[in-house]
Structure formats: structure tokens, C-alpha cells
Amino acid sequence: MTVEEIIPLLRKNDRGTLVPCHVQPRASKTAVSGIYGNFLKITLNAPPVDGKANAALCEFLAKKCGVPKPSVCVVSGDTSRDKTVLIPNVTPEDAAQALL
């Protein structure tokens, strides 16, 4: 996976970058594991109950991109495997580089 493959998936927003994610909860480790259609596939060690997977996803993306945890949020797909996450104050290019 390269930056050139990730950048077309990301969308610039007036607040930051929107990242479309396909999430696989209850995986052995939390990691970016590739591209799934038009989504970035992310495996999560957290279970999909009581918002734990969403919280783990936001925490993981915040850490990778170097932004505060509370600022990253799921903007759509709360109960779906396919989600859109907002990473504020980060350009798509910087986000793609950080997610490698």
C-alpha cells in the first residue's frame, strides 16, 4: 500500500480530512490492513459493543495522525462496518502519510 493509493480515498473537508473506513472488529491487532473497495480497511482489537470499536478506531487514527483523541470523530456509520471518520486540522496528504 502506498500514499498514492490512499490519497484518492480521502476527502478534504473545511475542518480536516474525511477518512472512509471499513472496520473489522475483534481482530488480533489494531492496524491499517489495506484497501477494501473505496474504503481504508482497519482491523480493530476492540469488540463491536457499546461503542468500543468506534472509540478504538478514533483513538487509533488520532494517534497515527498526531491529533488529540477527543477531536477525531465518526461522522457517519456509527453502527456499520463502513464508517466515515473526521480527522481535524490534517490534510489528506499528511493523513495518507501518517496511515502508512
N, C-alpha and C. Protein backbone atom coordinates (compact mmCIF):
# COMPACT_ATOMS: atom_id res chain seq x y z
N MET A 1 0.85 -1.17 0.00
CA MET A 1 0.00 0.00 0.00
C MET A 1 0.90 1.24 0.00
N THR A 2 0.53 2.22 -0.83
CA THR A 2 1.33 3.44 -0.95
C THR A 2 0.47 4.68 -0.70
N VAL A 3 1.13 5.82 -0.52
CA VAL A 3 0.44 7.09 -0.34
C VAL A 3 -0.45 7.37 -1.55
N GLU A 4 0.04 7.05 -2.74
CA GLU A 4 -0.72 7.30 -3.97
C GLU A 4 -2.01 6.48 -4.03
N GLU A 5 -2.04 5.33 -3.37
CA GLU A 5 -3.25 4.51 -3.32
C GLU A 5 -4.24 5.03 -2.27
N ILE A 6 -3.72 5.62 -1.21
CA ILE A 6 -4.58 6.08 -0.11
C ILE A 6 -5.21 7.44 -0.40
N ILE A 7 -4.44 8.37 -0.97
CA ILE A 7 -4.92 9.75 -1.17
C ILE A 7 -6.26 9.82 -1.91
N PRO A 8 -6.50 9.05 -2.99
CA PRO A 8 -7.80 9.15 -3.67
C PRO A 8 -9.00 8.77 -2.80
N LEU A 9 -8.78 8.01 -1.74
CA LEU A 9 -9.87 7.60 -0.85
C LEU A 9 -10.27 8.73 0.10
N LEU A 10 -9.33 9.59 0.45
CA LEU A 10 -9.56 10.63 1.44
C LEU A 10 -10.21 11.86 0.82
N ARG A 11 -11.06 12.52 1.61
CA ARG A 11 -11.74 13.72 1.12
C ARG A 11 -11.41 14.90 2.02
N LYS A 12 -11.04 16.00 1.39
CA LYS A 12 -10.75 17.23 2.13
C LYS A 12 -12.07 17.85 2.57
N ASN A 13 -12.07 18.36 3.80
CA ASN A 13 -13.24 18.98 4.40
C ASN A 13 -12.79 20.32 4.95
N ASP A 14 -13.70 21.25 5.18
CA ASP A 14 -13.29 22.55 5.72
C ASP A 14 -12.73 22.43 7.13
N ARG A 15 -12.99 21.31 7.81
CA ARG A 15 -12.46 21.10 9.16
C ARG A 15 -11.26 20.16 9.21
N GLY A 16 -10.98 19.45 8.12
CA GLY A 16 -9.87 18.50 8.12
C GLY A 16 -10.00 17.50 6.99
N THR A 17 -9.82 16.23 7.30
CA THR A 17 -9.88 15.17 6.30
C THR A 17 -10.89 14.12 6.71
N LEU A 18 -11.72 13.70 5.75
CA LEU A 18 -12.67 12.62 5.97
C LEU A 18 -12.05 11.32 5.47
N VAL A 19 -12.05 10.31 6.34
CA VAL A 19 -11.44 9.02 6.02
C VAL A 19 -12.54 7.96 5.99
N PRO A 20 -12.81 7.37 4.81
CA PRO A 20 -13.78 6.28 4.75
C PRO A 20 -13.10 4.99 5.23
N CYS A 21 -13.69 4.35 6.23
CA CYS A 21 -13.08 3.17 6.84
C CYS A 21 -14.01 1.97 6.76
N HIS A 22 -13.46 0.83 6.43
CA HIS A 22 -14.17 -0.45 6.57
C HIS A 22 -13.52 -1.13 7.76
N VAL A 23 -14.30 -1.34 8.82
CA VAL A 23 -13.76 -1.79 10.09
C VAL A 23 -14.03 -3.27 10.31
N GLN A 24 -13.00 -3.98 10.77
CA GLN A 24 -13.14 -5.38 11.17
C GLN A 24 -12.84 -5.48 12.67
N PRO A 25 -13.90 -5.52 13.50
CA PRO A 25 -13.68 -5.60 14.95
C PRO A 25 -13.25 -7.01 15.36
N ARG A 26 -12.79 -7.11 16.60
CA ARG A 26 -12.34 -8.38 17.20
C ARG A 26 -11.21 -9.04 16.41
N ALA A 27 -10.35 -8.24 15.83
CA ALA A 27 -9.17 -8.77 15.14
C ALA A 27 -8.07 -9.01 16.16
N SER A 28 -7.02 -9.68 15.73
CA SER A 28 -5.92 -9.97 16.66
C SER A 28 -5.12 -8.72 17.02
N LYS A 29 -5.10 -7.71 16.11
CA LYS A 29 -4.40 -6.46 16.41
C LYS A 29 -5.08 -5.31 15.69
N THR A 30 -4.83 -4.11 16.18
CA THR A 30 -5.36 -2.90 15.56
C THR A 30 -4.32 -2.38 14.57
N ALA A 31 -4.75 -2.25 13.30
CA ALA A 31 -3.82 -1.83 12.25
C ALA A 31 -4.58 -1.43 11.00
N VAL A 32 -3.90 -0.65 10.15
CA VAL A 32 -4.40 -0.40 8.80
C VAL A 32 -3.99 -1.63 8.00
N SER A 33 -4.96 -2.34 7.44
CA SER A 33 -4.62 -3.61 6.80
C SER A 33 -4.81 -3.62 5.29
N GLY A 34 -5.10 -2.47 4.69
CA GLY A 34 -5.20 -2.43 3.24
C GLY A 34 -6.34 -1.56 2.76
N ILE A 35 -6.72 -1.81 1.51
CA ILE A 35 -7.82 -1.07 0.89
C ILE A 35 -8.93 -2.06 0.57
N TYR A 36 -10.16 -1.68 0.87
CA TYR A 36 -11.32 -2.52 0.65
C TYR A 36 -12.31 -1.70 -0.17
N GLY A 37 -12.29 -1.87 -1.49
CA GLY A 37 -13.14 -1.06 -2.37
C GLY A 37 -12.72 0.39 -2.30
N ASN A 38 -13.63 1.26 -1.87
CA ASN A 38 -13.34 2.69 -1.71
C ASN A 38 -13.09 3.06 -0.25
N PHE A 39 -12.72 2.08 0.55
CA PHE A 39 -12.50 2.28 1.97
C PHE A 39 -11.09 1.87 2.37
N LEU A 40 -10.61 2.46 3.43
CA LEU A 40 -9.38 2.03 4.07
C LEU A 40 -9.78 0.94 5.06
N LYS A 41 -9.23 -0.25 4.92
CA LYS A 41 -9.60 -1.35 5.82
C LYS A 41 -8.76 -1.25 7.08
N ILE A 42 -9.46 -1.23 8.23
CA ILE A 42 -8.80 -1.14 9.52
C ILE A 42 -9.30 -2.27 10.40
N THR A 43 -8.35 -3.05 10.90
CA THR A 43 -8.69 -4.11 11.85
C THR A 43 -8.56 -3.54 13.26
N LEU A 44 -9.52 -3.89 14.11
CA LEU A 44 -9.55 -3.38 15.48
C LEU A 44 -9.57 -4.54 16.47
N ASN A 45 -8.81 -4.40 17.52
CA ASN A 45 -8.77 -5.39 18.58
C ASN A 45 -10.01 -5.30 19.48
N ALA A 46 -10.77 -4.24 19.35
CA ALA A 46 -11.94 -3.99 20.22
C ALA A 46 -13.18 -4.72 19.70
N PRO A 47 -14.09 -5.07 20.61
CA PRO A 47 -15.36 -5.68 20.20
C PRO A 47 -16.35 -4.62 19.73
N PRO A 48 -17.31 -5.01 18.90
CA PRO A 48 -18.29 -4.04 18.38
C PRO A 48 -19.50 -3.85 19.30
N VAL A 49 -19.25 -3.63 20.58
CA VAL A 49 -20.34 -3.44 21.54
C VAL A 49 -20.15 -2.14 22.31
N ASP A 50 -21.26 -1.49 22.62
CA ASP A 50 -21.27 -0.28 23.43
C ASP A 50 -20.32 0.81 22.93
N GLY A 51 -20.12 0.89 21.60
CA GLY A 51 -19.29 1.94 21.03
C GLY A 51 -17.79 1.74 21.22
N LYS A 52 -17.39 0.57 21.70
CA LYS A 52 -15.96 0.33 21.96
C LYS A 52 -15.15 0.32 20.66
N ALA A 53 -15.70 -0.24 19.59
CA ALA A 53 -14.98 -0.28 18.32
C ALA A 53 -14.83 1.14 17.75
N ASN A 54 -15.87 1.95 17.85
CA ASN A 54 -15.77 3.34 17.37
C ASN A 54 -14.74 4.12 18.17
N ALA A 55 -14.74 3.95 19.48
CA ALA A 55 -13.77 4.64 20.33
C ALA A 55 -12.35 4.19 20.00
N ALA A 56 -12.16 2.88 19.78
CA ALA A 56 -10.84 2.36 19.44
C ALA A 56 -10.38 2.88 18.08
N LEU A 57 -11.31 2.97 17.14
CA LEU A 57 -10.99 3.49 15.81
C LEU A 57 -10.54 4.95 15.89
N CYS A 58 -11.29 5.77 16.61
CA CYS A 58 -10.94 7.18 16.75
C CYS A 58 -9.60 7.35 17.46
N GLU A 59 -9.38 6.57 18.51
CA GLU A 59 -8.12 6.64 19.24
C GLU A 59 -6.94 6.23 18.35
N PHE A 60 -7.11 5.17 17.59
CA PHE A 60 -6.06 4.69 16.69
C PHE A 60 -5.71 5.74 15.64
N LEU A 61 -6.75 6.31 14.98
CA LEU A 61 -6.50 7.30 13.94
C LEU A 61 -5.89 8.57 14.52
N ALA A 62 -6.33 8.97 15.71
CA ALA A 62 -5.75 10.16 16.36
C ALA A 62 -4.27 9.96 16.63
N LYS A 63 -3.93 8.80 17.15
CA LYS A 63 -2.54 8.50 17.47
C LYS A 63 -1.69 8.48 16.20
N LYS A 64 -2.18 7.83 15.15
CA LYS A 64 -1.43 7.74 13.89
C LYS A 64 -1.20 9.12 13.28
N CYS A 65 -2.21 10.00 13.37
CA CYS A 65 -2.13 11.31 12.73
C CYS A 65 -1.61 12.41 13.66
N GLY A 66 -1.38 12.09 14.92
CA GLY A 66 -0.82 13.06 15.85
C GLY A 66 -1.75 14.18 16.24
N VAL A 67 -3.03 13.87 16.40
CA VAL A 67 -4.01 14.86 16.85
C VAL A 67 -4.62 14.38 18.17
N PRO A 68 -5.23 15.29 18.96
CA PRO A 68 -5.84 14.88 20.22
C PRO A 68 -6.99 13.88 20.00
N LYS A 69 -7.07 12.87 20.86
CA LYS A 69 -8.10 11.83 20.73
C LYS A 69 -9.52 12.39 20.66
N PRO A 70 -9.89 13.34 21.53
CA PRO A 70 -11.28 13.81 21.51
C PRO A 70 -11.68 14.54 20.22
N SER A 71 -10.70 14.98 19.43
CA SER A 71 -11.04 15.75 18.23
C SER A 71 -11.43 14.86 17.05
N VAL A 72 -11.04 13.59 17.06
CA VAL A 72 -11.38 12.66 15.98
C VAL A 72 -12.75 12.07 16.27
N CYS A 73 -13.63 12.05 15.25
CA CYS A 73 -14.97 11.53 15.48
C CYS A 73 -15.52 10.81 14.26
N VAL A 74 -16.42 9.87 14.53
CA VAL A 74 -17.14 9.17 13.47
C VAL A 74 -18.29 10.07 13.04
N VAL A 75 -18.32 10.47 11.77
CA VAL A 75 -19.38 11.37 11.30
C VAL A 75 -20.52 10.62 10.62
N SER A 76 -20.27 9.38 10.18
CA SER A 76 -21.36 8.55 9.66
C SER A 76 -20.99 7.08 9.80
N GLY A 77 -22.03 6.25 9.95
CA GLY A 77 -21.82 4.81 10.05
C GLY A 77 -21.55 4.31 11.46
N ASP A 78 -22.13 4.96 12.46
CA ASP A 78 -21.90 4.57 13.85
C ASP A 78 -22.07 3.07 14.11
N THR A 79 -23.11 2.48 13.52
CA THR A 79 -23.39 1.06 13.79
C THR A 79 -23.06 0.16 12.60
N SER A 80 -22.36 0.68 11.63
CA SER A 80 -22.00 -0.07 10.43
C SER A 80 -20.50 -0.39 10.43
N ARG A 81 -20.12 -1.34 9.63
CA ARG A 81 -18.69 -1.60 9.44
C ARG A 81 -18.06 -0.51 8.58
N ASP A 82 -18.86 0.09 7.72
CA ASP A 82 -18.39 1.17 6.84
C ASP A 82 -18.68 2.51 7.52
N LYS A 83 -17.62 3.24 7.84
CA LYS A 83 -17.73 4.48 8.59
C LYS A 83 -16.97 5.59 7.88
N THR A 84 -17.32 6.81 8.19
CA THR A 84 -16.54 7.97 7.76
C THR A 84 -16.09 8.67 9.02
N VAL A 85 -14.77 8.89 9.11
CA VAL A 85 -14.17 9.49 10.30
C VAL A 85 -13.55 10.82 9.91
N LEU A 86 -13.78 11.83 10.74
CA LEU A 86 -13.19 13.15 10.53
C LEU A 86 -11.93 13.27 11.38
N ILE A 87 -10.81 13.58 10.70
CA ILE A 87 -9.57 13.88 11.40
C ILE A 87 -9.33 15.37 11.17
N PRO A 88 -9.52 16.19 12.21
CA PRO A 88 -9.46 17.64 12.04
C PRO A 88 -8.03 18.16 11.88
N ASN A 89 -7.94 19.28 11.16
CA ASN A 89 -6.68 20.02 11.00
C ASN A 89 -5.55 19.19 10.39
N VAL A 90 -5.91 18.23 9.54
CA VAL A 90 -4.92 17.41 8.86
C VAL A 90 -5.29 17.38 7.38
N THR A 91 -4.31 17.56 6.51
CA THR A 91 -4.57 17.50 5.07
C THR A 91 -4.64 16.03 4.64
N PRO A 92 -5.31 15.73 3.51
CA PRO A 92 -5.34 14.35 3.03
C PRO A 92 -3.93 13.78 2.80
N GLU A 93 -3.02 14.61 2.32
CA GLU A 93 -1.66 14.14 2.06
C GLU A 93 -0.96 13.74 3.36
N ASP A 94 -1.10 14.57 4.39
CA ASP A 94 -0.49 14.26 5.69
C ASP A 94 -1.14 13.04 6.32
N ALA A 95 -2.46 12.92 6.18
CA ALA A 95 -3.16 11.76 6.74
C ALA A 95 -2.72 10.48 6.04
N ALA A 96 -2.61 10.52 4.72
CA ALA A 96 -2.17 9.34 3.97
C ALA A 96 -0.78 8.90 4.40
N GLN A 97 0.11 9.86 4.56
CA GLN A 97 1.47 9.55 5.00
C GLN A 97 1.48 8.94 6.39
N ALA A 98 0.67 9.49 7.28
CA ALA A 98 0.62 9.00 8.67
C ALA A 98 0.02 7.62 8.77
N LEU A 99 -0.90 7.28 7.88
CA LEU A 99 -1.60 6.00 7.96
C LEU A 99 -0.81 4.84 7.37
N LEU A 100 0.29 5.12 6.71
CA LEU A 100 1.10 4.02 6.15
C LEU A 100 1.76 3.20 7.22
